[in-house]
Amino acid sequence: MIQQKFIDLLIETLEITDREITITDEFRTYPEWDSLALLSVIAMIDDEFDVIIEGNDFAKLMTVSDLIQAIDSAKQ
């Protein structure tokens, strides 16, 4: 399932080791979130899902669920 795969990859990409993340999380509030994290997540989505989310579109995404939905929409 894309949801669990994405969450696992997000945890790995952001190097989150001390907590679980859920689809309702607002990823921009993570302590690990910064400009490098932004670029890393965009690159991970491109590499793992073959989806490119442009900067303006990415700026509209707020939750982990929003990211997953953007990937799903692009894959259709």
PDB file of N, CA and C in Angstrom:
ATOM      1  N   MET A   1       0.850  -1.189   0.000  1.00  0.00           N
ATOM      2  CA  MET A   1       0.000   0.000   0.000  1.00  0.00           C
ATOM      3  C   MET A   1       0.893   1.249   0.000  1.00  0.00           C
ATOM      4  N   ILE A   2       0.546   2.202  -0.826  1.00  0.00           N
ATOM      5  CA  ILE A   2       1.355   3.418  -0.969  1.00  0.00           C
ATOM      6  C   ILE A   2       1.435   4.195   0.344  1.00  0.00           C
ATOM      7  N   GLN A   3       0.363   4.172   1.132  1.00  0.00           N
ATOM      8  CA  GLN A   3       0.342   4.958   2.364  1.00  0.00           C
ATOM      9  C   GLN A   3       1.458   4.524   3.320  1.00  0.00           C
ATOM     10  N   GLN A   4       1.549   3.253   3.624  1.00  0.00           N
ATOM     11  CA  GLN A   4       2.575   2.791   4.562  1.00  0.00           C
ATOM     12  C   GLN A   4       3.971   2.932   3.969  1.00  0.00           C
ATOM     13  N   LYS A   5       4.102   2.640   2.671  1.00  0.00           N
ATOM     14  CA  LYS A   5       5.401   2.800   2.013  1.00  0.00           C
ATOM     15  C   LYS A   5       5.860   4.254   2.105  1.00  0.00           C
ATOM     16  N   PHE A   6       4.943   5.178   1.836  1.00  0.00           N
ATOM     17  CA  PHE A   6       5.298   6.590   1.886  1.00  0.00           C
ATOM     18  C   PHE A   6       5.698   7.006   3.302  1.00  0.00           C
ATOM     19  N   ILE A   7       4.928   6.583   4.292  1.00  0.00           N
ATOM     20  CA  ILE A   7       5.248   6.941   5.677  1.00  0.00           C
ATOM     21  C   ILE A   7       6.623   6.406   6.059  1.00  0.00           C
ATOM     22  N   ASP A   8       6.901   5.162   5.696  1.00  0.00           N
ATOM     23  CA  ASP A   8       8.213   4.582   5.994  1.00  0.00           C
ATOM     24  C   ASP A   8       9.335   5.379   5.327  1.00  0.00           C
ATOM     25  N   LEU A   9       9.128   5.758   4.073  1.00  0.00           N
ATOM     26  CA  LEU A   9      10.140   6.530   3.351  1.00  0.00           C
ATOM     27  C   LEU A   9      10.300   7.938   3.933  1.00  0.00           C
ATOM     28  N   LEU A  10       9.189   8.527   4.365  1.00  0.00           N
ATOM     29  CA  LEU A  10       9.247   9.859   4.968  1.00  0.00           C
ATOM     30  C   LEU A  10      10.029   9.812   6.281  1.00  0.00           C
ATOM     31  N   ILE A  11       9.783   8.788   7.088  1.00  0.00           N
ATOM     32  CA  ILE A  11      10.530   8.619   8.339  1.00  0.00           C
ATOM     33  C   ILE A  11      12.022   8.494   8.046  1.00  0.00           C
ATOM     34  N   GLU A  12      12.345   7.701   7.039  1.00  0.00           N
ATOM     35  CA  GLU A  12      13.751   7.508   6.669  1.00  0.00           C
ATOM     36  C   GLU A  12      14.367   8.796   6.125  1.00  0.00           C
ATOM     37  N   THR A  13      13.647   9.468   5.244  1.00  0.00           N
ATOM     38  CA  THR A  13      14.159  10.690   4.620  1.00  0.00           C
ATOM     39  C   THR A  13      14.404  11.795   5.639  1.00  0.00           C
ATOM     40  N   LEU A  14      13.482  11.940   6.575  1.00  0.00           N
ATOM     41  CA  LEU A  14      13.610  12.995   7.583  1.00  0.00           C
ATOM     42  C   LEU A  14      14.407  12.542   8.808  1.00  0.00           C
ATOM     43  N   GLU A  15      14.821  11.270   8.791  1.00  0.00           N
ATOM     44  CA  GLU A  15      15.599  10.703   9.894  1.00  0.00           C
ATOM     45  C   GLU A  15      14.877  10.856  11.229  1.00  0.00           C
ATOM     46  N   ILE A  16      13.604  10.496  11.237  1.00  0.00           N
ATOM     47  CA  ILE A  16      12.791  10.539  12.452  1.00  0.00           C
ATOM     48  C   ILE A  16      13.014   9.224  13.198  1.00  0.00           C
ATOM     49  N   THR A  17      13.463   9.323  14.425  1.00  0.00           N
ATOM     50  CA  THR A  17      13.775   8.114  15.188  1.00  0.00           C
ATOM     51  C   THR A  17      13.030   8.037  16.522  1.00  0.00           C
ATOM     52  N   ASP A  18      12.385   9.103  16.927  1.00  0.00           N
ATOM     53  CA  ASP A  18      11.833   9.142  18.279  1.00  0.00           C
ATOM     54  C   ASP A  18      10.312   9.114  18.375  1.00  0.00           C
ATOM     55  N   ARG A  19       9.627   8.916  17.236  1.00  0.00           N
ATOM     56  CA  ARG A  19       8.159   8.932  17.291  1.00  0.00           C
ATOM     57  C   ARG A  19       7.578   8.330  16.017  1.00  0.00           C
ATOM     58  N   GLU A  20       6.294   8.037  16.097  1.00  0.00           N
ATOM     59  CA  GLU A  20       5.545   7.577  14.931  1.00  0.00           C
ATOM     60  C   GLU A  20       4.994   8.801  14.208  1.00  0.00           C
ATOM     61  N   ILE A  21       4.719   8.640  12.935  1.00  0.00           N
ATOM     62  CA  ILE A  21       4.020   9.708  12.219  1.00  0.00           C
ATOM     63  C   ILE A  21       2.741   9.124  11.645  1.00  0.00           C
ATOM     64  N   THR A  22       1.752   9.982  11.455  1.00  0.00           N
ATOM     65  CA  THR A  22       0.456   9.563  10.937  1.00  0.00           C
ATOM     66  C   THR A  22       0.094  10.411   9.726  1.00  0.00           C
ATOM     67  N   ILE A  23      -0.916   9.967   9.008  1.00  0.00           N
ATOM     68  CA  ILE A  23      -1.308  10.701   7.800  1.00  0.00           C
ATOM     69  C   ILE A  23      -1.933  12.055   8.121  1.00  0.00           C
ATOM     70  N   THR A  24      -2.370  12.256   9.355  1.00  0.00           N
ATOM     71  CA  THR A  24      -2.975  13.547   9.715  1.00  0.00           C
ATOM     72  C   THR A  24      -1.950  14.569  10.199  1.00  0.00           C
ATOM     73  N   ASP A  25      -0.704  14.146  10.354  1.00  0.00           N
ATOM     74  CA  ASP A  25       0.345  15.072  10.794  1.00  0.00           C
ATOM     75  C   ASP A  25       0.555  16.198   9.788  1.00  0.00           C
ATOM     76  N   GLU A  26       0.788  17.381  10.307  1.00  0.00           N
ATOM     77  CA  GLU A  26       1.211  18.500   9.472  1.00  0.00           C
ATOM     78  C   GLU A  26       2.736  18.454   9.429  1.00  0.00           C
ATOM     79  N   PHE A  27       3.249  17.908   8.319  1.00  0.00           N
ATOM     80  CA  PHE A  27       4.686  17.612   8.234  1.00  0.00           C
ATOM     81  C   PHE A  27       5.564  18.846   8.380  1.00  0.00           C
ATOM     82  N   ARG A  28       5.054  20.006   8.065  1.00  0.00           N
ATOM     83  CA  ARG A  28       5.862  21.230   8.175  1.00  0.00           C
ATOM     84  C   ARG A  28       6.137  21.622   9.630  1.00  0.00           C
ATOM     85  N   THR A  29       5.404  21.003  10.568  1.00  0.00           N
ATOM     86  CA  THR A  29       5.613  21.301  11.985  1.00  0.00           C
ATOM     87  C   THR A  29       6.634  20.369  12.627  1.00  0.00           C
ATOM     88  N   TYR A  30       7.127  19.388  11.881  1.00  0.00           N
ATOM     89  CA  TYR A  30       8.140  18.481  12.421  1.00  0.00           C
ATOM     90  C   TYR A  30       9.405  19.267  12.760  1.00  0.00           C
ATOM     91  N   PRO A  31      10.038  18.958  13.884  1.00  0.00           N
ATOM     92  CA  PRO A  31      11.305  19.629  14.223  1.00  0.00           C
ATOM     93  C   PRO A  31      12.368  19.429  13.141  1.00  0.00           C
ATOM     94  N   GLU A  32      12.282  18.314  12.414  1.00  0.00           N
ATOM     95  CA  GLU A  32      13.260  18.013  11.374  1.00  0.00           C
ATOM     96  C   GLU A  32      13.017  18.791  10.078  1.00  0.00           C
ATOM     97  N   TRP A  33      11.889  19.501   9.985  1.00  0.00           N
ATOM     98  CA  TRP A  33      11.519  20.157   8.738  1.00  0.00           C
ATOM     99  C   TRP A  33      12.301  21.449   8.547  1.00  0.00           C
ATOM    100  N   ASP A  34      12.998  21.539   7.436  1.00  0.00           N
ATOM    101  CA  ASP A  34      13.705  22.756   7.040  1.00  0.00           C
ATOM    102  C   ASP A  34      13.827  22.733   5.517  1.00  0.00           C
ATOM    103  N   SER A  35      14.577  23.660   4.959  1.00  0.00           N
ATOM    104  CA  SER A  35      14.677  23.736   3.495  1.00  0.00           C
ATOM    105  C   SER A  35      15.348  22.501   2.900  1.00  0.00           C
ATOM    106  N   LEU A  36      16.289  21.920   3.619  1.00  0.00           N
ATOM    107  CA  LEU A  36      16.921  20.691   3.133  1.00  0.00           C
ATOM    108  C   LEU A  36      15.930  19.527   3.161  1.00  0.00           C
ATOM    109  N   ALA A  37      15.108  19.455   4.203  1.00  0.00           N
ATOM    110  CA  ALA A  37      14.076  18.418   4.287  1.00  0.00           C
ATOM    111  C   ALA A  37      13.100  18.552   3.126  1.00  0.00           C
ATOM    112  N   LEU A  38      12.731  19.768   2.793  1.00  0.00           N
ATOM    113  CA  LEU A  38      11.835  20.014   1.660  1.00  0.00           C
ATOM    114  C   LEU A  38      12.415  19.420   0.388  1.00  0.00           C
ATOM    115  N   LEU A  39      13.648  19.744   0.095  1.00  0.00           N
ATOM    116  CA  LEU A  39      14.291  19.231  -1.117  1.00  0.00           C
ATOM    117  C   LEU A  39      14.436  17.715  -1.066  1.00  0.00           C
ATOM    118  N   SER A  40      14.754  17.175   0.096  1.00  0.00           N
ATOM    119  CA  SER A  40      14.916  15.734   0.253  1.00  0.00           C
ATOM    120  C   SER A  40      13.601  14.990   0.020  1.00  0.00           C
ATOM    121  N   VAL A  41      12.510  15.541   0.522  1.00  0.00           N
ATOM    122  CA  VAL A  41      11.198  14.895   0.342  1.00  0.00           C
ATOM    123  C   VAL A  41      10.774  14.971  -1.122  1.00  0.00           C
ATOM    124  N   ILE A  42      10.977  16.097  -1.768  1.00  0.00           N
ATOM    125  CA  ILE A  42      10.646  16.221  -3.195  1.00  0.00           C
ATOM    126  C   ILE A  42      11.461  15.213  -4.006  1.00  0.00           C
ATOM    127  N   ALA A  43      12.752  15.078  -3.694  1.00  0.00           N
ATOM    128  CA  ALA A  43      13.610  14.120  -4.403  1.00  0.00           C
ATOM    129  C   ALA A  43      13.182  12.684  -4.129  1.00  0.00           C
ATOM    130  N   MET A  44      12.813  12.377  -2.888  1.00  0.00           N
ATOM    131  CA  MET A  44      12.366  11.031  -2.536  1.00  0.00           C
ATOM    132  C   MET A  44      11.097  10.670  -3.309  1.00  0.00           C
ATOM    133  N   ILE A  45      10.166  11.602  -3.405  1.00  0.00           N
ATOM    134  CA  ILE A  45       8.924  11.349  -4.137  1.00  0.00           C
ATOM    135  C   ILE A  45       9.228  11.094  -5.613  1.00  0.00           C
ATOM    136  N   ASP A  46      10.132  11.860  -6.170  1.00  0.00           N
ATOM    137  CA  ASP A  46      10.532  11.663  -7.568  1.00  0.00           C
ATOM    138  C   ASP A  46      11.200  10.297  -7.748  1.00  0.00           C
ATOM    139  N   ASP A  47      12.148   9.967  -6.890  1.00  0.00           N
ATOM    140  CA  ASP A  47      12.902   8.717  -7.008  1.00  0.00           C
ATOM    141  C   ASP A  47      12.031   7.484  -6.777  1.00  0.00           C
ATOM    142  N   GLU A  48      11.230   7.500  -5.735  1.00  0.00           N
ATOM    143  CA  GLU A  48      10.484   6.310  -5.324  1.00  0.00           C
ATOM    144  C   GLU A  48       9.157   6.130  -6.050  1.00  0.00           C
ATOM    145  N   PHE A  49       8.529   7.233  -6.435  1.00  0.00           N
ATOM    146  CA  PHE A  49       7.189   7.150  -7.022  1.00  0.00           C
ATOM    147  C   PHE A  49       7.131   7.691  -8.445  1.00  0.00           C
ATOM    148  N   ASP A  50       8.263   8.202  -8.935  1.00  0.00           N
ATOM    149  CA  ASP A  50       8.342   8.765 -10.282  1.00  0.00           C
ATOM    150  C   ASP A  50       7.307   9.875 -10.488  1.00  0.00           C
ATOM    151  N   VAL A  51       7.194  10.712  -9.465  1.00  0.00           N
ATOM    152  CA  VAL A  51       6.249  11.827  -9.482  1.00  0.00           C
ATOM    153  C   VAL A  51       7.021  13.097  -9.142  1.00  0.00           C
ATOM    154  N   ILE A  52       6.819  14.120  -9.930  1.00  0.00           N
ATOM    155  CA  ILE A  52       7.428  15.423  -9.657  1.00  0.00           C
ATOM    156  C   ILE A  52       6.331  16.371  -9.185  1.00  0.00           C
ATOM    157  N   ILE A  53       6.524  16.898  -7.992  1.00  0.00           N
ATOM    158  CA  ILE A  53       5.597  17.896  -7.454  1.00  0.00           C
ATOM    159  C   ILE A  53       6.325  19.233  -7.498  1.00  0.00           C
ATOM    160  N   GLU A  54       5.809  20.133  -8.285  1.00  0.00           N
ATOM    161  CA  GLU A  54       6.418  21.456  -8.434  1.00  0.00           C
ATOM    162  C   GLU A  54       6.324  22.240  -7.127  1.00  0.00           C
ATOM    163  N   GLY A  55       7.249  23.166  -6.949  1.00  0.00           N
ATOM    164  CA  GLY A  55       7.323  23.960  -5.724  1.00  0.00           C
ATOM    165  C   GLY A  55       6.036  24.658  -5.350  1.00  0.00           C
ATOM    166  N   ASN A  56       5.367  25.283  -6.322  1.00  0.00           N
ATOM    167  CA  ASN A  56       4.118  25.981  -6.027  1.00  0.00           C
ATOM    168  C   ASN A  56       3.034  25.020  -5.570  1.00  0.00           C
ATOM    169  N   ASP A  57       2.982  23.838  -6.184  1.00  0.00           N
ATOM    170  CA  ASP A  57       2.001  22.833  -5.787  1.00  0.00           C
ATOM    171  C   ASP A  57       2.352  22.258  -4.416  1.00  0.00           C
ATOM    172  N   PHE A  58       3.638  22.029  -4.177  1.00  0.00           N
ATOM    173  CA  PHE A  58       4.073  21.479  -2.899  1.00  0.00           C
ATOM    174  C   PHE A  58       3.729  22.431  -1.760  1.00  0.00           C
ATOM    175  N   ALA A  59       3.805  23.720  -2.012  1.00  0.00           N
ATOM    176  CA  ALA A  59       3.525  24.719  -0.976  1.00  0.00           C
ATOM    177  C   ALA A  59       2.086  24.629  -0.474  1.00  0.00           C
ATOM    178  N   LYS A  60       1.189  24.084  -1.267  1.00  0.00           N
ATOM    179  CA  LYS A  60      -0.223  23.957  -0.883  1.00  0.00           C
ATOM    180  C   LYS A  60      -0.486  22.724  -0.027  1.00  0.00           C
ATOM    181  N   LEU A  61       0.453  21.805   0.021  1.00  0.00           N
ATOM    182  CA  LEU A  61       0.273  20.559   0.757  1.00  0.00           C
ATOM    183  C   LEU A  61       0.656  20.774   2.219  1.00  0.00           C
ATOM    184  N   MET A  62      -0.213  20.331   3.119  1.00  0.00           N
ATOM    185  CA  MET A  62       0.012  20.583   4.542  1.00  0.00           C
ATOM    186  C   MET A  62       0.193  19.318   5.373  1.00  0.00           C
ATOM    187  N   THR A  63      -0.514  18.249   5.030  1.00  0.00           N
ATOM    188  CA  THR A  63      -0.464  17.033   5.843  1.00  0.00           C
ATOM    189  C   THR A  63       0.208  15.898   5.071  1.00  0.00           C
ATOM    190  N   VAL A  64       0.569  14.868   5.801  1.00  0.00           N
ATOM    191  CA  VAL A  64       1.129  13.678   5.172  1.00  0.00           C
ATOM    192  C   VAL A  64       0.107  13.111   4.191  1.00  0.00           C
ATOM    193  N   SER A  65      -1.154  13.149   4.560  1.00  0.00           N
ATOM    194  CA  SER A  65      -2.222  12.684   3.670  1.00  0.00           C
ATOM    195  C   SER A  65      -2.257  13.490   2.371  1.00  0.00           C
ATOM    196  N   ASP A  66      -2.053  14.793   2.453  1.00  0.00           N
ATOM    197  CA  ASP A  66      -2.012  15.638   1.249  1.00  0.00           C
ATOM    198  C   ASP A  66      -0.908  15.178   0.305  1.00  0.00           C
ATOM    199  N   LEU A  67       0.251  14.835   0.874  1.00  0.00           N
ATOM    200  CA  LEU A  67       1.362  14.352   0.052  1.00  0.00           C
ATOM    201  C   LEU A  67       0.988  13.048  -0.652  1.00  0.00           C
ATOM    202  N   ILE A  68       0.391  12.127   0.105  1.00  0.00           N
ATOM    203  CA  ILE A  68      -0.006  10.840  -0.460  1.00  0.00           C
ATOM    204  C   ILE A  68      -1.043  11.039  -1.560  1.00  0.00           C
ATOM    205  N   GLN A  69      -2.007  11.903  -1.341  1.00  0.00           N
ATOM    206  CA  GLN A  69      -3.036  12.181  -2.355  1.00  0.00           C
ATOM    207  C   GLN A  69      -2.427  12.808  -3.604  1.00  0.00           C
ATOM    208  N   ALA A  70      -1.438  13.670  -3.442  1.00  0.00           N
ATOM    209  CA  ALA A  70      -0.779  14.290  -4.600  1.00  0.00           C
ATOM    210  C   ALA A  70      -0.060  13.237  -5.419  1.00  0.00           C
ATOM    211  N   ILE A  71       0.576  12.289  -4.755  1.00  0.00           N
ATOM    212  CA  ILE A  71       1.249  11.201  -5.465  1.00  0.00           C
ATOM    213  C   ILE A  71       0.223  10.339  -6.195  1.00  0.00           C
ATOM    214  N   ASP A  72      -0.851   9.968  -5.477  1.00  0.00           N
ATOM    215  CA  ASP A  72      -1.908   9.160  -6.096  1.00  0.00           C
ATOM    216  C   ASP A  72      -2.503   9.840  -7.317  1.00  0.00           C
ATOM    217  N   SER A  73      -2.775  11.129  -7.201  1.00  0.00           N
ATOM    218  CA  SER A  73      -3.372  11.880  -8.313  1.00  0.00           C
ATOM    219  C   SER A  73      -2.446  11.920  -9.518  1.00  0.00           C
ATOM    220  N   ALA A  74      -1.173  12.110  -9.265  1.00  0.00           N
ATOM    221  CA  ALA A  74      -0.194  12.185 -10.361  1.00  0.00           C
ATOM    222  C   ALA A  74      -0.015  10.832 -11.034  1.00  0.00           C
ATOM    223  N   LYS A  75      -0.231   9.742 -10.319  1.00  0.00           N
ATOM    224  CA  LYS A  75      -0.044   8.411 -10.872  1.00  0.00           C
ATOM    225  C   LYS A  75      -1.217   7.984 -11.745  1.00  0.00           C
ATOM    226  N   GLN A  76      -2.344   8.676 -11.664  1.00  0.00           N
ATOM    227  CA  GLN A  76      -3.541   8.280 -12.430  1.00  0.00           C
ATOM    228  C   GLN A  76      -3.485   8.773 -13.847  1.00  0.00           C
TER     229      GLN A  76
END
